[in-house]
Amino acid sequence: MDVFMVYLFVATATPLFLWAEHKKWAIVHSPFVIALWASFIYYVAVPDMGTLGHIVLWTLFIANFLYAHVAAIYLYAAPFLREQKLKRRFTLIK
């Protein structure tokens, strides 16, 4: 549960970091964060969530995890790798 709480705070901060450069990505990510907080509050408030509650919570967690990593790769790693590829290509031409 401690790891989930840490991830919940990191996921909550992610749209704030994206907002400056990529507002659309931050807006798309916000419902994931709201759903994670809602399911967490439900998890804390209801002692016995049942199978469906656990499935929803872990599905949201995995979907948010995948979204955050795809967004990070697409927004930050891909431009860096593209730039490195162009530098390599330019030095081979010289």
C-alpha atoms as a PDB file:
ATOM      1  CA  MET A   1       0.000   0.000   0.000  1.00  0.00           C
ATOM      2  CA  ASP A   2       2.925   2.341   0.668  1.00  0.00           C
ATOM      3  CA  VAL A   3       4.146   1.980  -2.907  1.00  0.00           C
ATOM      4  CA  PHE A   4       0.653   2.740  -4.174  1.00  0.00           C
ATOM      5  CA  MET A   5       0.498   5.908  -2.054  1.00  0.00           C
ATOM      6  CA  VAL A   6       3.851   7.123  -3.371  1.00  0.00           C
ATOM      7  CA  TYR A   7       2.746   6.392  -6.928  1.00  0.00           C
ATOM      8  CA  LEU A   8      -0.555   8.166  -6.282  1.00  0.00           C
ATOM      9  CA  PHE A   9       1.290  11.351  -5.314  1.00  0.00           C
ATOM     10  CA  VAL A  10       3.635  11.080  -8.305  1.00  0.00           C
ATOM     11  CA  ALA A  11       0.690  10.490 -10.646  1.00  0.00           C
ATOM     12  CA  THR A  12      -1.063  13.515  -9.161  1.00  0.00           C
ATOM     13  CA  ALA A  13       1.959  15.698  -9.896  1.00  0.00           C
ATOM     14  CA  THR A  14       2.411  14.427 -13.457  1.00  0.00           C
ATOM     15  CA  PRO A  15      -0.258  16.681 -15.074  1.00  0.00           C
ATOM     16  CA  LEU A  16       1.340  19.658 -13.335  1.00  0.00           C
ATOM     17  CA  PHE A  17       4.680  18.907 -14.993  1.00  0.00           C
ATOM     18  CA  LEU A  18       3.019  18.357 -18.362  1.00  0.00           C
ATOM     19  CA  TRP A  19       0.910  21.524 -18.179  1.00  0.00           C
ATOM     20  CA  ALA A  20       3.623  23.980 -19.218  1.00  0.00           C
ATOM     21  CA  GLU A  21       4.510  22.303 -22.512  1.00  0.00           C
ATOM     22  CA  HIS A  22       1.744  19.799 -23.267  1.00  0.00           C
ATOM     23  CA  LYS A  23      -1.636  20.963 -22.017  1.00  0.00           C
ATOM     24  CA  LYS A  24      -3.624  18.385 -24.007  1.00  0.00           C
ATOM     25  CA  TRP A  25      -1.655  15.491 -22.487  1.00  0.00           C
ATOM     26  CA  ALA A  26      -2.222  16.929 -19.010  1.00  0.00           C
ATOM     27  CA  ILE A  27      -5.965  17.271 -19.602  1.00  0.00           C
ATOM     28  CA  VAL A  28      -6.210  13.699 -20.901  1.00  0.00           C
ATOM     29  CA  HIS A  29      -4.243  12.434 -17.891  1.00  0.00           C
ATOM     30  CA  SER A  30      -6.417  14.229 -15.310  1.00  0.00           C
ATOM     31  CA  PRO A  31      -9.389  11.781 -15.392  1.00  0.00           C
ATOM     32  CA  PHE A  32      -6.979   8.924 -14.673  1.00  0.00           C
ATOM     33  CA  VAL A  33      -5.734  10.753 -11.592  1.00  0.00           C
ATOM     34  CA  ILE A  34      -9.249  11.618 -10.416  1.00  0.00           C
ATOM     35  CA  ALA A  35     -10.328   8.001 -10.844  1.00  0.00           C
ATOM     36  CA  LEU A  36      -7.273   6.795  -8.910  1.00  0.00           C
ATOM     37  CA  TRP A  37      -8.060   9.124  -6.015  1.00  0.00           C
ATOM     38  CA  ALA A  38     -11.738   8.120  -6.047  1.00  0.00           C
ATOM     39  CA  SER A  39     -10.881   4.421  -5.999  1.00  0.00           C
ATOM     40  CA  PHE A  40      -8.312   5.004  -3.239  1.00  0.00           C
ATOM     41  CA  ILE A  41     -10.871   6.852  -1.093  1.00  0.00           C
ATOM     42  CA  TYR A  42     -13.315   4.020  -1.720  1.00  0.00           C
ATOM     43  CA  TYR A  43     -10.596   1.517  -0.763  1.00  0.00           C
ATOM     44  CA  VAL A  44      -9.959   3.311   2.533  1.00  0.00           C
ATOM     45  CA  ALA A  45     -13.645   3.924   3.334  1.00  0.00           C
ATOM     46  CA  VAL A  46     -14.956   0.438   2.569  1.00  0.00           C
ATOM     47  CA  PRO A  47     -13.214  -2.312   4.528  1.00  0.00           C
ATOM     48  CA  ASP A  48     -14.284  -5.065   2.110  1.00  0.00           C
ATOM     49  CA  MET A  49     -14.060  -3.841  -1.482  1.00  0.00           C
ATOM     50  CA  GLY A  50     -14.834  -7.158  -3.070  1.00  0.00           C
ATOM     51  CA  THR A  51     -13.429  -8.562  -6.273  1.00  0.00           C
ATOM     52  CA  LEU A  52     -14.869  -5.883  -8.543  1.00  0.00           C
ATOM     53  CA  GLY A  53     -13.401  -3.090  -6.417  1.00  0.00           C
ATOM     54  CA  HIS A  54      -9.938  -4.640  -6.563  1.00  0.00           C
ATOM     55  CA  ILE A  55     -10.201  -5.203 -10.300  1.00  0.00           C
ATOM     56  CA  VAL A  56     -11.197  -1.559 -10.862  1.00  0.00           C
ATOM     57  CA  LEU A  57      -8.441  -0.243  -8.580  1.00  0.00           C
ATOM     58  CA  TRP A  58      -5.688  -2.302 -10.198  1.00  0.00           C
ATOM     59  CA  THR A  59      -6.984  -1.648 -13.708  1.00  0.00           C
ATOM     60  CA  LEU A  60      -6.841   2.097 -13.052  1.00  0.00           C
ATOM     61  CA  PHE A  61      -3.381   1.754 -11.524  1.00  0.00           C
ATOM     62  CA  ILE A  62      -2.028  -0.187 -14.515  1.00  0.00           C
ATOM     63  CA  ALA A  63      -3.736   2.105 -17.064  1.00  0.00           C
ATOM     64  CA  ASN A  64      -2.305   5.178 -15.344  1.00  0.00           C
ATOM     65  CA  PHE A  65       1.131   3.576 -15.153  1.00  0.00           C
ATOM     66  CA  LEU A  66       1.088   2.728 -18.868  1.00  0.00           C
ATOM     67  CA  TYR A  67      -0.245   6.156 -19.849  1.00  0.00           C
ATOM     68  CA  ALA A  68       2.435   7.944 -17.842  1.00  0.00           C
ATOM     69  CA  HIS A  69       5.226   5.862 -19.372  1.00  0.00           C
ATOM     70  CA  VAL A  70       3.955   6.168 -22.947  1.00  0.00           C
ATOM     71  CA  ALA A  71       3.578   9.924 -22.469  1.00  0.00           C
ATOM     72  CA  ALA A  72       7.086  10.220 -21.026  1.00  0.00           C
ATOM     73  CA  ILE A  73       8.611   8.252 -23.897  1.00  0.00           C
ATOM     74  CA  TYR A  74       6.628  10.110 -26.548  1.00  0.00           C
ATOM     75  CA  LEU A  75       7.146  13.599 -25.118  1.00  0.00           C
ATOM     76  CA  TYR A  76      10.688  13.422 -23.774  1.00  0.00           C
ATOM     77  CA  ALA A  77      12.613  10.368 -24.971  1.00  0.00           C
ATOM     78  CA  ALA A  78      11.497  10.371 -28.628  1.00  0.00           C
ATOM     79  CA  PRO A  79      12.643  13.958 -29.383  1.00  0.00           C
ATOM     80  CA  PHE A  80      15.957  13.299 -27.632  1.00  0.00           C
ATOM     81  CA  LEU A  81      16.538  10.079 -29.577  1.00  0.00           C
ATOM     82  CA  ARG A  82      15.518  11.788 -32.829  1.00  0.00           C
ATOM     83  CA  GLU A  83      18.023  14.566 -32.145  1.00  0.00           C
ATOM     84  CA  GLN A  84      20.771  12.047 -31.411  1.00  0.00           C
ATOM     85  CA  LYS A  85      19.976  10.202 -34.641  1.00  0.00           C
ATOM     86  CA  LEU A  86      20.210  13.442 -36.643  1.00  0.00           C
ATOM     87  CA  LYS A  87      23.538  14.299 -34.994  1.00  0.00           C
ATOM     88  CA  ARG A  88      24.887  10.856 -35.879  1.00  0.00           C
ATOM     89  CA  ARG A  89      23.668  11.168 -39.441  1.00  0.00           C
ATOM     90  CA  PHE A  90      25.178  14.653 -39.764  1.00  0.00           C
ATOM     91  CA  THR A  91      28.586  13.537 -38.477  1.00  0.00           C
ATOM     92  CA  LEU A  92      28.599  10.587 -40.905  1.00  0.00           C
ATOM     93  CA  ILE A  93      28.014  12.961 -43.819  1.00  0.00           C
ATOM     94  CA  LYS A  94      30.999  15.155 -42.907  1.00  0.00           C
END
